[in-house]
PDBML (XML) file of the C-alpha atoms, coordinates in Angstrom:
<?xml version="1.0" encoding="UTF-8" ?>
<PDBx:datablock datablockName="MODEL"
   xmlns:PDBx="http://pdbml.pdb.org/schema/pdbx-v50.xsd"
   xmlns:xsi="http://www.w3.org/2001/XMLSchema-instance"
   xsi:schemaLocation="http://pdbml.pdb.org/schema/pdbx-v50.xsd pdbx-v50.xsd">
   <PDBx:atom_siteCategory>
      <PDBx:atom_site id="1">
         <PDBx:B_iso_or_equiv>0.00</PDBx:B_iso_or_equiv>
         <PDBx:Cartn_x>0.040</PDBx:Cartn_x>
         <PDBx:Cartn_y>-0.140</PDBx:Cartn_y>
         <PDBx:Cartn_z>-0.003</PDBx:Cartn_z>
         <PDBx:auth_asym_id>A</PDBx:auth_asym_id>
         <PDBx:auth_atom_id>CA</PDBx:auth_atom_id>
         <PDBx:auth_comp_id>UNK</PDBx:auth_comp_id>
         <PDBx:auth_seq_id>1</PDBx:auth_seq_id>
         <PDBx:group_PDB>ATOM</PDBx:group_PDB>
         <PDBx:label_alt_id xsi:nil="true" />
         <PDBx:label_asym_id>A</PDBx:label_asym_id>
         <PDBx:label_atom_id>CA</PDBx:label_atom_id>
         <PDBx:label_comp_id>UNK</PDBx:label_comp_id>
         <PDBx:label_entity_id>1</PDBx:label_entity_id>
         <PDBx:label_seq_id>1</PDBx:label_seq_id>
         <PDBx:occupancy>1.00</PDBx:occupancy>
         <PDBx:pdbx_PDB_model_num>1</PDBx:pdbx_PDB_model_num>
         <PDBx:type_symbol>C</PDBx:type_symbol>
      </PDBx:atom_site>
      <PDBx:atom_site id="2">
         <PDBx:B_iso_or_equiv>0.00</PDBx:B_iso_or_equiv>
         <PDBx:Cartn_x>2.796</PDBx:Cartn_x>
         <PDBx:Cartn_y>2.498</PDBx:Cartn_y>
         <PDBx:Cartn_z>0.774</PDBx:Cartn_z>
         <PDBx:auth_asym_id>A</PDBx:auth_asym_id>
         <PDBx:auth_atom_id>CA</PDBx:auth_atom_id>
         <PDBx:auth_comp_id>UNK</PDBx:auth_comp_id>
         <PDBx:auth_seq_id>2</PDBx:auth_seq_id>
         <PDBx:group_PDB>ATOM</PDBx:group_PDB>
         <PDBx:label_alt_id xsi:nil="true" />
         <PDBx:label_asym_id>A</PDBx:label_asym_id>
         <PDBx:label_atom_id>CA</PDBx:label_atom_id>
         <PDBx:label_comp_id>UNK</PDBx:label_comp_id>
         <PDBx:label_entity_id>1</PDBx:label_entity_id>
         <PDBx:label_seq_id>2</PDBx:label_seq_id>
         <PDBx:occupancy>1.00</PDBx:occupancy>
         <PDBx:pdbx_PDB_model_num>1</PDBx:pdbx_PDB_model_num>
         <PDBx:type_symbol>C</PDBx:type_symbol>
      </PDBx:atom_site>
      <PDBx:atom_site id="3">
         <PDBx:B_iso_or_equiv>0.00</PDBx:B_iso_or_equiv>
         <PDBx:Cartn_x>4.755</PDBx:Cartn_x>
         <PDBx:Cartn_y>2.005</PDBx:Cartn_y>
         <PDBx:Cartn_z>-2.228</PDBx:Cartn_z>
         <PDBx:auth_asym_id>A</PDBx:auth_asym_id>
         <PDBx:auth_atom_id>CA</PDBx:auth_atom_id>
         <PDBx:auth_comp_id>UNK</PDBx:auth_comp_id>
         <PDBx:auth_seq_id>3</PDBx:auth_seq_id>
         <PDBx:group_PDB>ATOM</PDBx:group_PDB>
         <PDBx:label_alt_id xsi:nil="true" />
         <PDBx:label_asym_id>A</PDBx:label_asym_id>
         <PDBx:label_atom_id>CA</PDBx:label_atom_id>
         <PDBx:label_comp_id>UNK</PDBx:label_comp_id>
         <PDBx:label_entity_id>1</PDBx:label_entity_id>
         <PDBx:label_seq_id>3</PDBx:label_seq_id>
         <PDBx:occupancy>1.00</PDBx:occupancy>
         <PDBx:pdbx_PDB_model_num>1</PDBx:pdbx_PDB_model_num>
         <PDBx:type_symbol>C</PDBx:type_symbol>
      </PDBx:atom_site>
      <PDBx:atom_site id="4">
         <PDBx:B_iso_or_equiv>0.00</PDBx:B_iso_or_equiv>
         <PDBx:Cartn_x>1.122</PDBx:Cartn_x>
         <PDBx:Cartn_y>2.105</PDBx:Cartn_y>
         <PDBx:Cartn_z>-4.286</PDBx:Cartn_z>
         <PDBx:auth_asym_id>A</PDBx:auth_asym_id>
         <PDBx:auth_atom_id>CA</PDBx:auth_atom_id>
         <PDBx:auth_comp_id>UNK</PDBx:auth_comp_id>
         <PDBx:auth_seq_id>4</PDBx:auth_seq_id>
         <PDBx:group_PDB>ATOM</PDBx:group_PDB>
         <PDBx:label_alt_id xsi:nil="true" />
         <PDBx:label_asym_id>A</PDBx:label_asym_id>
         <PDBx:label_atom_id>CA</PDBx:label_atom_id>
         <PDBx:label_comp_id>UNK</PDBx:label_comp_id>
         <PDBx:label_entity_id>1</PDBx:label_entity_id>
         <PDBx:label_seq_id>4</PDBx:label_seq_id>
         <PDBx:occupancy>1.00</PDBx:occupancy>
         <PDBx:pdbx_PDB_model_num>1</PDBx:pdbx_PDB_model_num>
         <PDBx:type_symbol>C</PDBx:type_symbol>
      </PDBx:atom_site>
      <PDBx:atom_site id="5">
         <PDBx:B_iso_or_equiv>0.00</PDBx:B_iso_or_equiv>
         <PDBx:Cartn_x>0.709</PDBx:Cartn_x>
         <PDBx:Cartn_y>5.634</PDBx:Cartn_y>
         <PDBx:Cartn_z>-2.889</PDBx:Cartn_z>
         <PDBx:auth_asym_id>A</PDBx:auth_asym_id>
         <PDBx:auth_atom_id>CA</PDBx:auth_atom_id>
         <PDBx:auth_comp_id>UNK</PDBx:auth_comp_id>
         <PDBx:auth_seq_id>5</PDBx:auth_seq_id>
         <PDBx:group_PDB>ATOM</PDBx:group_PDB>
         <PDBx:label_alt_id xsi:nil="true" />
         <PDBx:label_asym_id>A</PDBx:label_asym_id>
         <PDBx:label_atom_id>CA</PDBx:label_atom_id>
         <PDBx:label_comp_id>UNK</PDBx:label_comp_id>
         <PDBx:label_entity_id>1</PDBx:label_entity_id>
         <PDBx:label_seq_id>5</PDBx:label_seq_id>
         <PDBx:occupancy>1.00</PDBx:occupancy>
         <PDBx:pdbx_PDB_model_num>1</PDBx:pdbx_PDB_model_num>
         <PDBx:type_symbol>C</PDBx:type_symbol>
      </PDBx:atom_site>
      <PDBx:atom_site id="6">
         <PDBx:B_iso_or_equiv>0.00</PDBx:B_iso_or_equiv>
         <PDBx:Cartn_x>4.242</PDBx:Cartn_x>
         <PDBx:Cartn_y>6.511</PDBx:Cartn_y>
         <PDBx:Cartn_z>-3.865</PDBx:Cartn_z>
         <PDBx:auth_asym_id>A</PDBx:auth_asym_id>
         <PDBx:auth_atom_id>CA</PDBx:auth_atom_id>
         <PDBx:auth_comp_id>UNK</PDBx:auth_comp_id>
         <PDBx:auth_seq_id>6</PDBx:auth_seq_id>
         <PDBx:group_PDB>ATOM</PDBx:group_PDB>
         <PDBx:label_alt_id xsi:nil="true" />
         <PDBx:label_asym_id>A</PDBx:label_asym_id>
         <PDBx:label_atom_id>CA</PDBx:label_atom_id>
         <PDBx:label_comp_id>UNK</PDBx:label_comp_id>
         <PDBx:label_entity_id>1</PDBx:label_entity_id>
         <PDBx:label_seq_id>6</PDBx:label_seq_id>
         <PDBx:occupancy>1.00</PDBx:occupancy>
         <PDBx:pdbx_PDB_model_num>1</PDBx:pdbx_PDB_model_num>
         <PDBx:type_symbol>C</PDBx:type_symbol>
      </PDBx:atom_site>
      <PDBx:atom_site id="7">
         <PDBx:B_iso_or_equiv>0.00</PDBx:B_iso_or_equiv>
         <PDBx:Cartn_x>3.835</PDBx:Cartn_x>
         <PDBx:Cartn_y>5.280</PDBx:Cartn_y>
         <PDBx:Cartn_z>-7.647</PDBx:Cartn_z>
         <PDBx:auth_asym_id>A</PDBx:auth_asym_id>
         <PDBx:auth_atom_id>CA</PDBx:auth_atom_id>
         <PDBx:auth_comp_id>UNK</PDBx:auth_comp_id>
         <PDBx:auth_seq_id>7</PDBx:auth_seq_id>
         <PDBx:group_PDB>ATOM</PDBx:group_PDB>
         <PDBx:label_alt_id xsi:nil="true" />
         <PDBx:label_asym_id>A</PDBx:label_asym_id>
         <PDBx:label_atom_id>CA</PDBx:label_atom_id>
         <PDBx:label_comp_id>UNK</PDBx:label_comp_id>
         <PDBx:label_entity_id>1</PDBx:label_entity_id>
         <PDBx:label_seq_id>7</PDBx:label_seq_id>
         <PDBx:occupancy>1.00</PDBx:occupancy>
         <PDBx:pdbx_PDB_model_num>1</PDBx:pdbx_PDB_model_num>
         <PDBx:type_symbol>C</PDBx:type_symbol>
      </PDBx:atom_site>
      <PDBx:atom_site id="8">
         <PDBx:B_iso_or_equiv>0.00</PDBx:B_iso_or_equiv>
         <PDBx:Cartn_x>0.460</PDBx:Cartn_x>
         <PDBx:Cartn_y>7.089</PDBx:Cartn_y>
         <PDBx:Cartn_z>-7.987</PDBx:Cartn_z>
         <PDBx:auth_asym_id>A</PDBx:auth_asym_id>
         <PDBx:auth_atom_id>CA</PDBx:auth_atom_id>
         <PDBx:auth_comp_id>UNK</PDBx:auth_comp_id>
         <PDBx:auth_seq_id>8</PDBx:auth_seq_id>
         <PDBx:group_PDB>ATOM</PDBx:group_PDB>
         <PDBx:label_alt_id xsi:nil="true" />
         <PDBx:label_asym_id>A</PDBx:label_asym_id>
         <PDBx:label_atom_id>CA</PDBx:label_atom_id>
         <PDBx:label_comp_id>UNK</PDBx:label_comp_id>
         <PDBx:label_entity_id>1</PDBx:label_entity_id>
         <PDBx:label_seq_id>8</PDBx:label_seq_id>
         <PDBx:occupancy>1.00</PDBx:occupancy>
         <PDBx:pdbx_PDB_model_num>1</PDBx:pdbx_PDB_model_num>
         <PDBx:type_symbol>C</PDBx:type_symbol>
      </PDBx:atom_site>
      <PDBx:atom_site id="9">
         <PDBx:B_iso_or_equiv>0.00</PDBx:B_iso_or_equiv>
         <PDBx:Cartn_x>1.845</PDBx:Cartn_x>
         <PDBx:Cartn_y>10.598</PDBx:Cartn_y>
         <PDBx:Cartn_z>-6.476</PDBx:Cartn_z>
         <PDBx:auth_asym_id>A</PDBx:auth_asym_id>
         <PDBx:auth_atom_id>CA</PDBx:auth_atom_id>
         <PDBx:auth_comp_id>UNK</PDBx:auth_comp_id>
         <PDBx:auth_seq_id>9</PDBx:auth_seq_id>
         <PDBx:group_PDB>ATOM</PDBx:group_PDB>
         <PDBx:label_alt_id xsi:nil="true" />
         <PDBx:label_asym_id>A</PDBx:label_asym_id>
         <PDBx:label_atom_id>CA</PDBx:label_atom_id>
         <PDBx:label_comp_id>UNK</PDBx:label_comp_id>
         <PDBx:label_entity_id>1</PDBx:label_entity_id>
         <PDBx:label_seq_id>9</PDBx:label_seq_id>
         <PDBx:occupancy>1.00</PDBx:occupancy>
         <PDBx:pdbx_PDB_model_num>1</PDBx:pdbx_PDB_model_num>
         <PDBx:type_symbol>C</PDBx:type_symbol>
      </PDBx:atom_site>
      <PDBx:atom_site id="10">
         <PDBx:B_iso_or_equiv>0.00</PDBx:B_iso_or_equiv>
         <PDBx:Cartn_x>4.748</PDBx:Cartn_x>
         <PDBx:Cartn_y>10.266</PDBx:Cartn_y>
         <PDBx:Cartn_z>-8.995</PDBx:Cartn_z>
         <PDBx:auth_asym_id>A</PDBx:auth_asym_id>
         <PDBx:auth_atom_id>CA</PDBx:auth_atom_id>
         <PDBx:auth_comp_id>UNK</PDBx:auth_comp_id>
         <PDBx:auth_seq_id>10</PDBx:auth_seq_id>
         <PDBx:group_PDB>ATOM</PDBx:group_PDB>
         <PDBx:label_alt_id xsi:nil="true" />
         <PDBx:label_asym_id>A</PDBx:label_asym_id>
         <PDBx:label_atom_id>CA</PDBx:label_atom_id>
         <PDBx:label_comp_id>UNK</PDBx:label_comp_id>
         <PDBx:label_entity_id>1</PDBx:label_entity_id>
         <PDBx:label_seq_id>10</PDBx:label_seq_id>
         <PDBx:occupancy>1.00</PDBx:occupancy>
         <PDBx:pdbx_PDB_model_num>1</PDBx:pdbx_PDB_model_num>
         <PDBx:type_symbol>C</PDBx:type_symbol>
      </PDBx:atom_site>
      <PDBx:atom_site id="11">
         <PDBx:B_iso_or_equiv>0.00</PDBx:B_iso_or_equiv>
         <PDBx:Cartn_x>2.659</PDBx:Cartn_x>
         <PDBx:Cartn_y>9.499</PDBx:Cartn_y>
         <PDBx:Cartn_z>-11.872</PDBx:Cartn_z>
         <PDBx:auth_asym_id>A</PDBx:auth_asym_id>
         <PDBx:auth_atom_id>CA</PDBx:auth_atom_id>
         <PDBx:auth_comp_id>UNK</PDBx:auth_comp_id>
         <PDBx:auth_seq_id>11</PDBx:auth_seq_id>
         <PDBx:group_PDB>ATOM</PDBx:group_PDB>
         <PDBx:label_alt_id xsi:nil="true" />
         <PDBx:label_asym_id>A</PDBx:label_asym_id>
         <PDBx:label_atom_id>CA</PDBx:label_atom_id>
         <PDBx:label_comp_id>UNK</PDBx:label_comp_id>
         <PDBx:label_entity_id>1</PDBx:label_entity_id>
         <PDBx:label_seq_id>11</PDBx:label_seq_id>
         <PDBx:occupancy>1.00</PDBx:occupancy>
         <PDBx:pdbx_PDB_model_num>1</PDBx:pdbx_PDB_model_num>
         <PDBx:type_symbol>C</PDBx:type_symbol>
      </PDBx:atom_site>
      <PDBx:atom_site id="12">
         <PDBx:B_iso_or_equiv>0.00</PDBx:B_iso_or_equiv>
         <PDBx:Cartn_x>0.404</PDBx:Cartn_x>
         <PDBx:Cartn_y>12.690</PDBx:Cartn_y>
         <PDBx:Cartn_z>-10.854</PDBx:Cartn_z>
         <PDBx:auth_asym_id>A</PDBx:auth_asym_id>
         <PDBx:auth_atom_id>CA</PDBx:auth_atom_id>
         <PDBx:auth_comp_id>UNK</PDBx:auth_comp_id>
         <PDBx:auth_seq_id>12</PDBx:auth_seq_id>
         <PDBx:group_PDB>ATOM</PDBx:group_PDB>
         <PDBx:label_alt_id xsi:nil="true" />
         <PDBx:label_asym_id>A</PDBx:label_asym_id>
         <PDBx:label_atom_id>CA</PDBx:label_atom_id>
         <PDBx:label_comp_id>UNK</PDBx:label_comp_id>
         <PDBx:label_entity_id>1</PDBx:label_entity_id>
         <PDBx:label_seq_id>12</PDBx:label_seq_id>
         <PDBx:occupancy>1.00</PDBx:occupancy>
         <PDBx:pdbx_PDB_model_num>1</PDBx:pdbx_PDB_model_num>
         <PDBx:type_symbol>C</PDBx:type_symbol>
      </PDBx:atom_site>
      <PDBx:atom_site id="13">
         <PDBx:B_iso_or_equiv>0.00</PDBx:B_iso_or_equiv>
         <PDBx:Cartn_x>3.480</PDBx:Cartn_x>
         <PDBx:Cartn_y>14.593</PDBx:Cartn_y>
         <PDBx:Cartn_z>-10.157</PDBx:Cartn_z>
         <PDBx:auth_asym_id>A</PDBx:auth_asym_id>
         <PDBx:auth_atom_id>CA</PDBx:auth_atom_id>
         <PDBx:auth_comp_id>UNK</PDBx:auth_comp_id>
         <PDBx:auth_seq_id>13</PDBx:auth_seq_id>
         <PDBx:group_PDB>ATOM</PDBx:group_PDB>
         <PDBx:label_alt_id xsi:nil="true" />
         <PDBx:label_asym_id>A</PDBx:label_asym_id>
         <PDBx:label_atom_id>CA</PDBx:label_atom_id>
         <PDBx:label_comp_id>UNK</PDBx:label_comp_id>
         <PDBx:label_entity_id>1</PDBx:label_entity_id>
         <PDBx:label_seq_id>13</PDBx:label_seq_id>
         <PDBx:occupancy>1.00</PDBx:occupancy>
         <PDBx:pdbx_PDB_model_num>1</PDBx:pdbx_PDB_model_num>
         <PDBx:type_symbol>C</PDBx:type_symbol>
      </PDBx:atom_site>
      <PDBx:atom_site id="14">
         <PDBx:B_iso_or_equiv>0.00</PDBx:B_iso_or_equiv>
         <PDBx:Cartn_x>4.954</PDBx:Cartn_x>
         <PDBx:Cartn_y>13.945</PDBx:Cartn_y>
         <PDBx:Cartn_z>-13.723</PDBx:Cartn_z>
         <PDBx:auth_asym_id>A</PDBx:auth_asym_id>
         <PDBx:auth_atom_id>CA</PDBx:auth_atom_id>
         <PDBx:auth_comp_id>UNK</PDBx:auth_comp_id>
         <PDBx:auth_seq_id>14</PDBx:auth_seq_id>
         <PDBx:group_PDB>ATOM</PDBx:group_PDB>
         <PDBx:label_alt_id xsi:nil="true" />
         <PDBx:label_asym_id>A</PDBx:label_asym_id>
         <PDBx:label_atom_id>CA</PDBx:label_atom_id>
         <PDBx:label_comp_id>UNK</PDBx:label_comp_id>
         <PDBx:label_entity_id>1</PDBx:label_entity_id>
         <PDBx:label_seq_id>14</PDBx:label_seq_id>
         <PDBx:occupancy>1.00</PDBx:occupancy>
         <PDBx:pdbx_PDB_model_num>1</PDBx:pdbx_PDB_model_num>
         <PDBx:type_symbol>C</PDBx:type_symbol>
      </PDBx:atom_site>
      <PDBx:atom_site id="15">
         <PDBx:B_iso_or_equiv>0.00</PDBx:B_iso_or_equiv>
         <PDBx:Cartn_x>1.599</PDBx:Cartn_x>
         <PDBx:Cartn_y>14.404</PDBx:Cartn_y>
         <PDBx:Cartn_z>-15.407</PDBx:Cartn_z>
         <PDBx:auth_asym_id>A</PDBx:auth_asym_id>
         <PDBx:auth_atom_id>CA</PDBx:auth_atom_id>
         <PDBx:auth_comp_id>UNK</PDBx:auth_comp_id>
         <PDBx:auth_seq_id>15</PDBx:auth_seq_id>
         <PDBx:group_PDB>ATOM</PDBx:group_PDB>
         <PDBx:label_alt_id xsi:nil="true" />
         <PDBx:label_asym_id>A</PDBx:label_asym_id>
         <PDBx:label_atom_id>CA</PDBx:label_atom_id>
         <PDBx:label_comp_id>UNK</PDBx:label_comp_id>
         <PDBx:label_entity_id>1</PDBx:label_entity_id>
         <PDBx:label_seq_id>15</PDBx:label_seq_id>
         <PDBx:occupancy>1.00</PDBx:occupancy>
         <PDBx:pdbx_PDB_model_num>1</PDBx:pdbx_PDB_model_num>
         <PDBx:type_symbol>C</PDBx:type_symbol>
      </PDBx:atom_site>
      <PDBx:atom_site id="16">
         <PDBx:B_iso_or_equiv>0.00</PDBx:B_iso_or_equiv>
         <PDBx:Cartn_x>1.200</PDBx:Cartn_x>
         <PDBx:Cartn_y>17.918</PDBx:Cartn_y>
         <PDBx:Cartn_z>-13.774</PDBx:Cartn_z>
         <PDBx:auth_asym_id>A</PDBx:auth_asym_id>
         <PDBx:auth_atom_id>CA</PDBx:auth_atom_id>
         <PDBx:auth_comp_id>UNK</PDBx:auth_comp_id>
         <PDBx:auth_seq_id>16</PDBx:auth_seq_id>
         <PDBx:group_PDB>ATOM</PDBx:group_PDB>
         <PDBx:label_alt_id xsi:nil="true" />
         <PDBx:label_asym_id>A</PDBx:label_asym_id>
         <PDBx:label_atom_id>CA</PDBx:label_atom_id>
         <PDBx:label_comp_id>UNK</PDBx:label_comp_id>
         <PDBx:label_entity_id>1</PDBx:label_entity_id>
         <PDBx:label_seq_id>16</PDBx:label_seq_id>
         <PDBx:occupancy>1.00</PDBx:occupancy>
         <PDBx:pdbx_PDB_model_num>1</PDBx:pdbx_PDB_model_num>
         <PDBx:type_symbol>C</PDBx:type_symbol>
      </PDBx:atom_site>
      <PDBx:atom_site id="17">
         <PDBx:B_iso_or_equiv>0.00</PDBx:B_iso_or_equiv>
         <PDBx:Cartn_x>4.923</PDBx:Cartn_x>
         <PDBx:Cartn_y>18.798</PDBx:Cartn_y>
         <PDBx:Cartn_z>-14.661</PDBx:Cartn_z>
         <PDBx:auth_asym_id>A</PDBx:auth_asym_id>
         <PDBx:auth_atom_id>CA</PDBx:auth_atom_id>
         <PDBx:auth_comp_id>UNK</PDBx:auth_comp_id>
         <PDBx:auth_seq_id>17</PDBx:auth_seq_id>
         <PDBx:group_PDB>ATOM</PDBx:group_PDB>
         <PDBx:label_alt_id xsi:nil="true" />
         <PDBx:label_asym_id>A</PDBx:label_asym_id>
         <PDBx:label_atom_id>CA</PDBx:label_atom_id>
         <PDBx:label_comp_id>UNK</PDBx:label_comp_id>
         <PDBx:label_entity_id>1</PDBx:label_entity_id>
         <PDBx:label_seq_id>17</PDBx:label_seq_id>
         <PDBx:occupancy>1.00</PDBx:occupancy>
         <PDBx:pdbx_PDB_model_num>1</PDBx:pdbx_PDB_model_num>
         <PDBx:type_symbol>C</PDBx:type_symbol>
      </PDBx:atom_site>
      <PDBx:atom_site id="18">
         <PDBx:B_iso_or_equiv>0.00</PDBx:B_iso_or_equiv>
         <PDBx:Cartn_x>5.000</PDBx:Cartn_x>
         <PDBx:Cartn_y>17.624</PDBx:Cartn_y>
         <PDBx:Cartn_z>-18.261</PDBx:Cartn_z>
         <PDBx:auth_asym_id>A</PDBx:auth_asym_id>
         <PDBx:auth_atom_id>CA</PDBx:auth_atom_id>
         <PDBx:auth_comp_id>UNK</PDBx:auth_comp_id>
         <PDBx:auth_seq_id>18</PDBx:auth_seq_id>
         <PDBx:group_PDB>ATOM</PDBx:group_PDB>
         <PDBx:label_alt_id xsi:nil="true" />
         <PDBx:label_asym_id>A</PDBx:label_asym_id>
         <PDBx:label_atom_id>CA</PDBx:label_atom_id>
         <PDBx:label_comp_id>UNK</PDBx:label_comp_id>
         <PDBx:label_entity_id>1</PDBx:label_entity_id>
         <PDBx:label_seq_id>18</PDBx:label_seq_id>
         <PDBx:occupancy>1.00</PDBx:occupancy>
         <PDBx:pdbx_PDB_model_num>1</PDBx:pdbx_PDB_model_num>
         <PDBx:type_symbol>C</PDBx:type_symbol>
      </PDBx:atom_site>
      <PDBx:atom_site id="19">
         <PDBx:B_iso_or_equiv>0.00</PDBx:B_iso_or_equiv>
         <PDBx:Cartn_x>1.072</PDBx:Cartn_x>
         <PDBx:Cartn_y>18.216</PDBx:Cartn_y>
         <PDBx:Cartn_z>-19.152</PDBx:Cartn_z>
         <PDBx:auth_asym_id>A</PDBx:auth_asym_id>
         <PDBx:auth_atom_id>CA</PDBx:auth_atom_id>
         <PDBx:auth_comp_id>UNK</PDBx:auth_comp_id>
         <PDBx:auth_seq_id>19</PDBx:auth_seq_id>
         <PDBx:group_PDB>ATOM</PDBx:group_PDB>
         <PDBx:label_alt_id xsi:nil="true" />
         <PDBx:label_asym_id>A</PDBx:label_asym_id>
         <PDBx:label_atom_id>CA</PDBx:label_atom_id>
         <PDBx:label_comp_id>UNK</PDBx:label_comp_id>
         <PDBx:label_entity_id>1</PDBx:label_entity_id>
         <PDBx:label_seq_id>19</PDBx:label_seq_id>
         <PDBx:occupancy>1.00</PDBx:occupancy>
         <PDBx:pdbx_PDB_model_num>1</PDBx:pdbx_PDB_model_num>
         <PDBx:type_symbol>C</PDBx:type_symbol>
      </PDBx:atom_site>
      <PDBx:atom_site id="20">
         <PDBx:B_iso_or_equiv>0.00</PDBx:B_iso_or_equiv>
         <PDBx:Cartn_x>0.668</PDBx:Cartn_x>
         <PDBx:Cartn_y>14.756</PDBx:Cartn_y>
         <PDBx:Cartn_z>-20.443</PDBx:Cartn_z>
         <PDBx:auth_asym_id>A</PDBx:auth_asym_id>
         <PDBx:auth_atom_id>CA</PDBx:auth_atom_id>
         <PDBx:auth_comp_id>UNK</PDBx:auth_comp_id>
         <PDBx:auth_seq_id>20</PDBx:auth_seq_id>
         <PDBx:group_PDB>ATOM</PDBx:group_PDB>
         <PDBx:label_alt_id xsi:nil="true" />
         <PDBx:label_asym_id>A</PDBx:label_asym_id>
         <PDBx:label_atom_id>CA</PDBx:label_atom_id>
         <PDBx:label_comp_id>UNK</PDBx:label_comp_id>
         <PDBx:label_entity_id>1</PDBx:label_entity_id>
         <PDBx:label_seq_id>20</PDBx:label_seq_id>
         <PDBx:occupancy>1.00</PDBx:occupancy>
         <PDBx:pdbx_PDB_model_num>1</PDBx:pdbx_PDB_model_num>
         <PDBx:type_symbol>C</PDBx:type_symbol>
      </PDBx:atom_site>
      <PDBx:atom_site id="21">
         <PDBx:B_iso_or_equiv>0.00</PDBx:B_iso_or_equiv>
         <PDBx:Cartn_x>-2.889</PDBx:Cartn_x>
         <PDBx:Cartn_y>12.794</PDBx:Cartn_y>
         <PDBx:Cartn_z>-20.746</PDBx:Cartn_z>
         <PDBx:auth_asym_id>A</PDBx:auth_asym_id>
         <PDBx:auth_atom_id>CA</PDBx:auth_atom_id>
         <PDBx:auth_comp_id>UNK</PDBx:auth_comp_id>
         <PDBx:auth_seq_id>21</PDBx:auth_seq_id>
         <PDBx:group_PDB>ATOM</PDBx:group_PDB>
         <PDBx:label_alt_id xsi:nil="true" />
         <PDBx:label_asym_id>A</PDBx:label_asym_id>
         <PDBx:label_atom_id>CA</PDBx:label_atom_id>
         <PDBx:label_comp_id>UNK</PDBx:label_comp_id>
         <PDBx:label_entity_id>1</PDBx:label_entity_id>
         <PDBx:label_seq_id>21</PDBx:label_seq_id>
         <PDBx:occupancy>1.00</PDBx:occupancy>
         <PDBx:pdbx_PDB_model_num>1</PDBx:pdbx_PDB_model_num>
         <PDBx:type_symbol>C</PDBx:type_symbol>
      </PDBx:atom_site>
      <PDBx:atom_site id="22">
         <PDBx:B_iso_or_equiv>0.00</PDBx:B_iso_or_equiv>
         <PDBx:Cartn_x>-3.020</PDBx:Cartn_x>
         <PDBx:Cartn_y>9.718</PDBx:Cartn_y>
         <PDBx:Cartn_z>-18.712</PDBx:Cartn_z>
         <PDBx:auth_asym_id>A</PDBx:auth_asym_id>
         <PDBx:auth_atom_id>CA</PDBx:auth_atom_id>
         <PDBx:auth_comp_id>UNK</PDBx:auth_comp_id>
         <PDBx:auth_seq_id>22</PDBx:auth_seq_id>
         <PDBx:group_PDB>ATOM</PDBx:group_PDB>
         <PDBx:label_alt_id xsi:nil="true" />
         <PDBx:label_asym_id>A</PDBx:label_asym_id>
         <PDBx:label_atom_id>CA</PDBx:label_atom_id>
         <PDBx:label_comp_id>UNK</PDBx:label_comp_id>
         <PDBx:label_entity_id>1</PDBx:label_entity_id>
         <PDBx:label_seq_id>22</PDBx:label_seq_id>
         <PDBx:occupancy>1.00</PDBx:occupancy>
         <PDBx:pdbx_PDB_model_num>1</PDBx:pdbx_PDB_model_num>
         <PDBx:type_symbol>C</PDBx:type_symbol>
      </PDBx:atom_site>
      <PDBx:atom_site id="23">
         <PDBx:B_iso_or_equiv>0.00</PDBx:B_iso_or_equiv>
         <PDBx:Cartn_x>-5.178</PDBx:Cartn_x>
         <PDBx:Cartn_y>6.574</PDBx:Cartn_y>
         <PDBx:Cartn_z>-19.471</PDBx:Cartn_z>
         <PDBx:auth_asym_id>A</PDBx:auth_asym_id>
         <PDBx:auth_atom_id>CA</PDBx:auth_atom_id>
         <PDBx:auth_comp_id>UNK</PDBx:auth_comp_id>
         <PDBx:auth_seq_id>23</PDBx:auth_seq_id>
         <PDBx:group_PDB>ATOM</PDBx:group_PDB>
         <PDBx:label_alt_id xsi:nil="true" />
         <PDBx:label_asym_id>A</PDBx:label_asym_id>
         <PDBx:label_atom_id>CA</PDBx:label_atom_id>
         <PDBx:label_comp_id>UNK</PDBx:label_comp_id>
         <PDBx:label_entity_id>1</PDBx:label_entity_id>
         <PDBx:label_seq_id>23</PDBx:label_seq_id>
         <PDBx:occupancy>1.00</PDBx:occupancy>
         <PDBx:pdbx_PDB_model_num>1</PDBx:pdbx_PDB_model_num>
         <PDBx:type_symbol>C</PDBx:type_symbol>
      </PDBx:atom_site>
      <PDBx:atom_site id="24">
         <PDBx:B_iso_or_equiv>0.00</PDBx:B_iso_or_equiv>
         <PDBx:Cartn_x>-5.390</PDBx:Cartn_x>
         <PDBx:Cartn_y>4.861</PDBx:Cartn_y>
         <PDBx:Cartn_z>-16.206</PDBx:Cartn_z>
         <PDBx:auth_asym_id>A</PDBx:auth_asym_id>
         <PDBx:auth_atom_id>CA</PDBx:auth_atom_id>
         <PDBx:auth_comp_id>UNK</PDBx:auth_comp_id>
         <PDBx:auth_seq_id>24</PDBx:auth_seq_id>
         <PDBx:group_PDB>ATOM</PDBx:group_PDB>
         <PDBx:label_alt_id xsi:nil="true" />
         <PDBx:label_asym_id>A</PDBx:label_asym_id>
         <PDBx:label_atom_id>CA</PDBx:label_atom_id>
         <PDBx:label_comp_id>UNK</PDBx:label_comp_id>
         <PDBx:label_entity_id>1</PDBx:label_entity_id>
         <PDBx:label_seq_id>24</PDBx:label_seq_id>
         <PDBx:occupancy>1.00</PDBx:occupancy>
         <PDBx:pdbx_PDB_model_num>1</PDBx:pdbx_PDB_model_num>
         <PDBx:type_symbol>C</PDBx:type_symbol>
      </PDBx:atom_site>
   </PDBx:atom_siteCategory>
</PDBx:datablock>
């Protein structure tokens, strides 16, 4: 669970920084 949260936060951080779209 802890690593799950870190990976999701990382994807959202990169999305916000790069402006990409995500199909989750």
